[in-house]
Amino acid sequence: MKNRPTEHACLMTTGKDTGETARFGQQVMSRVLPEITSPVR
């Protein structure tokens, strides 16, 4: 499972409070996970 440094940096800077960070993390994960798990692409 490879992490994208850009998204991590984005996550750190965008989320001022933990709630915001968690919510943004959820969005990122829901977008990235299908890419990782799906055999195509």
PDB file of N, CA and C in Angstrom:
ATOM      1  N   MET A   1       0.848  -1.201   0.000  1.00  0.00           N
ATOM      2  CA  MET A   1       0.000   0.000   0.000  1.00  0.00           C
ATOM      3  C   MET A   1       0.880   1.247   0.000  1.00  0.00           C
ATOM      4  N   LYS A   2       0.876   1.924  -1.128  1.00  0.00           N
ATOM      5  CA  LYS A   2       1.717   3.118  -1.256  1.00  0.00           C
ATOM      6  C   LYS A   2       0.953   4.371  -0.861  1.00  0.00           C
ATOM      7  N   ASN A   3       1.598   5.223  -0.096  1.00  0.00           N
ATOM      8  CA  ASN A   3       0.979   6.488   0.289  1.00  0.00           C
ATOM      9  C   ASN A   3       1.471   7.594  -0.621  1.00  0.00           C
ATOM     10  N   ARG A   4       0.585   8.489  -0.971  1.00  0.00           N
ATOM     11  CA  ARG A   4       0.983   9.606  -1.820  1.00  0.00           C
ATOM     12  C   ARG A   4       1.364  10.785  -0.945  1.00  0.00           C
ATOM     13  N   PRO A   5       2.628  11.204  -1.011  1.00  0.00           N
ATOM     14  CA  PRO A   5       3.132  12.291  -0.168  1.00  0.00           C
ATOM     15  C   PRO A   5       2.344  13.582  -0.341  1.00  0.00           C
ATOM     16  N   THR A   6       1.927  13.848  -1.571  1.00  0.00           N
ATOM     17  CA  THR A   6       1.190  15.089  -1.831  1.00  0.00           C
ATOM     18  C   THR A   6      -0.118  15.108  -1.055  1.00  0.00           C
ATOM     19  N   GLU A   7      -0.838  13.978  -1.097  1.00  0.00           N
ATOM     20  CA  GLU A   7      -2.117  13.905  -0.400  1.00  0.00           C
ATOM     21  C   GLU A   7      -1.925  13.991   1.104  1.00  0.00           C
ATOM     22  N   HIS A   8      -0.822  13.396   1.580  1.00  0.00           N
ATOM     23  CA  HIS A   8      -0.540  13.462   3.014  1.00  0.00           C
ATOM     24  C   HIS A   8      -0.267  14.896   3.448  1.00  0.00           C
ATOM     25  N   ALA A   9       0.534  15.588   2.665  1.00  0.00           N
ATOM     26  CA  ALA A   9       0.840  16.984   2.977  1.00  0.00           C
ATOM     27  C   ALA A   9      -0.436  17.816   2.917  1.00  0.00           C
ATOM     28  N   CYS A  10      -1.244  17.530   1.924  1.00  0.00           N
ATOM     29  CA  CYS A  10      -2.514  18.233   1.766  1.00  0.00           C
ATOM     30  C   CYS A  10      -3.382  18.001   3.001  1.00  0.00           C
ATOM     31  N   LEU A  11      -3.415  16.752   3.442  1.00  0.00           N
ATOM     32  CA  LEU A  11      -4.210  16.377   4.605  1.00  0.00           C
ATOM     33  C   LEU A  11      -3.753  17.132   5.841  1.00  0.00           C
ATOM     34  N   MET A  12      -2.432  17.238   5.994  1.00  0.00           N
ATOM     35  CA  MET A  12      -1.883  17.903   7.175  1.00  0.00           C
ATOM     36  C   MET A  12      -2.210  19.394   7.183  1.00  0.00           C
ATOM     37  N   THR A  13      -2.097  20.013   6.024  1.00  0.00           N
ATOM     38  CA  THR A  13      -2.298  21.461   5.973  1.00  0.00           C
ATOM     39  C   THR A  13      -3.778  21.835   5.956  1.00  0.00           C
ATOM     40  N   THR A  14      -4.599  20.998   5.306  1.00  0.00           N
ATOM     41  CA  THR A  14      -6.009  21.345   5.171  1.00  0.00           C
ATOM     42  C   THR A  14      -6.746  21.213   6.491  1.00  0.00           C
ATOM     43  N   GLY A  15      -6.500  20.116   7.216  1.00  0.00           N
ATOM     44  CA  GLY A  15      -7.225  19.887   8.458  1.00  0.00           C
ATOM     45  C   GLY A  15      -6.659  20.699   9.598  1.00  0.00           C
ATOM     46  N   LYS A  16      -7.338  21.786   9.930  1.00  0.00           N
ATOM     47  CA  LYS A  16      -6.886  22.612  11.052  1.00  0.00           C
ATOM     48  C   LYS A  16      -7.155  21.871  12.356  1.00  0.00           C
ATOM     49  N   ASP A  17      -8.375  21.360  12.487  1.00  0.00           N
ATOM     50  CA  ASP A  17      -8.688  20.584  13.684  1.00  0.00           C
ATOM     51  C   ASP A  17      -8.761  19.107  13.327  1.00  0.00           C
ATOM     52  N   THR A  18      -8.785  18.254  14.321  1.00  0.00           N
ATOM     53  CA  THR A  18      -8.757  16.810  14.084  1.00  0.00           C
ATOM     54  C   THR A  18      -9.996  16.335  13.338  1.00  0.00           C
ATOM     55  N   GLY A  19     -11.139  16.941  13.635  1.00  0.00           N
ATOM     56  CA  GLY A  19     -12.382  16.542  12.977  1.00  0.00           C
ATOM     57  C   GLY A  19     -12.303  16.740  11.476  1.00  0.00           C
ATOM     58  N   GLU A  20     -11.811  17.907  11.088  1.00  0.00           N
ATOM     59  CA  GLU A  20     -11.674  18.225   9.669  1.00  0.00           C
ATOM     60  C   GLU A  20     -10.705  17.249   9.010  1.00  0.00           C
ATOM     61  N   THR A  21      -9.593  16.989   9.683  1.00  0.00           N
ATOM     62  CA  THR A  21      -8.588  16.080   9.143  1.00  0.00           C
ATOM     63  C   THR A  21      -9.174  14.687   8.952  1.00  0.00           C
ATOM     64  N   ALA A  22      -9.915  14.225   9.952  1.00  0.00           N
ATOM     65  CA  ALA A  22     -10.506  12.890   9.883  1.00  0.00           C
ATOM     66  C   ALA A  22     -11.482  12.800   8.715  1.00  0.00           C
ATOM     67  N   ARG A  23     -12.291  13.836   8.558  1.00  0.00           N
ATOM     68  CA  ARG A  23     -13.274  13.820   7.485  1.00  0.00           C
ATOM     69  C   ARG A  23     -12.592  13.831   6.127  1.00  0.00           C
ATOM     70  N   PHE A  24     -11.559  14.657   6.005  1.00  0.00           N
ATOM     71  CA  PHE A  24     -10.817  14.725   4.750  1.00  0.00           C
ATOM     72  C   PHE A  24     -10.120  13.390   4.484  1.00  0.00           C
ATOM     73  N   GLY A  25      -9.595  12.785   5.549  1.00  0.00           N
ATOM     74  CA  GLY A  25      -8.943  11.477   5.436  1.00  0.00           C
ATOM     75  C   GLY A  25      -9.905  10.438   4.898  1.00  0.00           C
ATOM     76  N   GLN A  26     -11.135  10.489   5.391  1.00  0.00           N
ATOM     77  CA  GLN A  26     -12.157   9.556   4.934  1.00  0.00           C
ATOM     78  C   GLN A  26     -12.397   9.731   3.439  1.00  0.00           C
ATOM     79  N   GLN A  27     -12.469  10.968   2.996  1.00  0.00           N
ATOM     80  CA  GLN A  27     -12.680  11.248   1.577  1.00  0.00           C
ATOM     81  C   GLN A  27     -11.528  10.697   0.746  1.00  0.00           C
ATOM     82  N   VAL A  28     -10.312  10.975   1.200  1.00  0.00           N
ATOM     83  CA  VAL A  28      -9.121  10.522   0.475  1.00  0.00           C
ATOM     84  C   VAL A  28      -9.108   9.005   0.391  1.00  0.00           C
ATOM     85  N   MET A  29      -9.368   8.348   1.525  1.00  0.00           N
ATOM     86  CA  MET A  29      -9.341   6.892   1.564  1.00  0.00           C
ATOM     87  C   MET A  29     -10.402   6.305   0.639  1.00  0.00           C
ATOM     88  N   SER A  30     -11.604   6.860   0.689  1.00  0.00           N
ATOM     89  CA  SER A  30     -12.683   6.332  -0.147  1.00  0.00           C
ATOM     90  C   SER A  30     -12.360   6.523  -1.625  1.00  0.00           C
ATOM     91  N   ARG A  31     -11.539   7.521  -1.925  1.00  0.00           N
ATOM     92  CA  ARG A  31     -11.163   7.754  -3.317  1.00  0.00           C
ATOM     93  C   ARG A  31      -9.980   6.875  -3.723  1.00  0.00           C
ATOM     94  N   VAL A  32      -9.057   6.648  -2.789  1.00  0.00           N
ATOM     95  CA  VAL A  32      -7.822   5.935  -3.121  1.00  0.00           C
ATOM     96  C   VAL A  32      -7.982   4.415  -3.032  1.00  0.00           C
ATOM     97  N   LEU A  33      -8.712   3.945  -2.016  1.00  0.00           N
ATOM     98  CA  LEU A  33      -8.859   2.509  -1.804  1.00  0.00           C
ATOM     99  C   LEU A  33      -9.356   1.741  -3.021  1.00  0.00           C
ATOM    100  N   PRO A  34     -10.419   2.194  -3.682  1.00  0.00           N
ATOM    101  CA  PRO A  34     -10.872   1.477  -4.884  1.00  0.00           C
ATOM    102  C   PRO A  34      -9.777   1.346  -5.939  1.00  0.00           C
ATOM    103  N   GLU A  35      -8.954   2.375  -6.060  1.00  0.00           N
ATOM    104  CA  GLU A  35      -7.851   2.340  -7.023  1.00  0.00           C
ATOM    105  C   GLU A  35      -6.875   1.231  -6.673  1.00  0.00           C
ATOM    106  N   ILE A  36      -6.581   1.103  -5.367  1.00  0.00           N
ATOM    107  CA  ILE A  36      -5.613   0.106  -4.912  1.00  0.00           C
ATOM    108  C   ILE A  36      -6.190  -1.300  -5.056  1.00  0.00           C
ATOM    109  N   THR A  37      -7.458  -1.476  -4.644  1.00  0.00           N
ATOM    110  CA  THR A  37      -8.054  -2.806  -4.613  1.00  0.00           C
ATOM    111  C   THR A  37      -8.469  -3.295  -5.993  1.00  0.00           C
ATOM    112  N   SER A  38      -8.909  -2.383  -6.868  1.00  0.00           N
ATOM    113  CA  SER A  38      -9.372  -2.795  -8.190  1.00  0.00           C
ATOM    114  C   SER A  38      -8.192  -3.251  -9.049  1.00  0.00           C
ATOM    115  N   PRO A  39      -8.324  -4.427  -9.684  1.00  0.00           N
ATOM    116  CA  PRO A  39      -7.237  -4.982 -10.500  1.00  0.00           C
ATOM    117  C   PRO A  39      -6.960  -4.142 -11.744  1.00  0.00           C
ATOM    118  N   VAL A  40      -7.983  -3.536 -12.298  1.00  0.00           N
ATOM    119  CA  VAL A  40      -7.799  -2.715 -13.484  1.00  0.00           C
ATOM    120  C   VAL A  40      -7.255  -1.352 -13.091  1.00  0.00           C
ATOM    121  N   ARG A  41      -6.477  -0.758 -14.000  1.00  0.00           N
ATOM    122  CA  ARG A  41      -5.871   0.565 -13.762  1.00  0.00           C
ATOM    123  C   ARG A  41      -4.640   0.337 -12.894  1.00  0.00           C
TER     124      ARG A  41
END
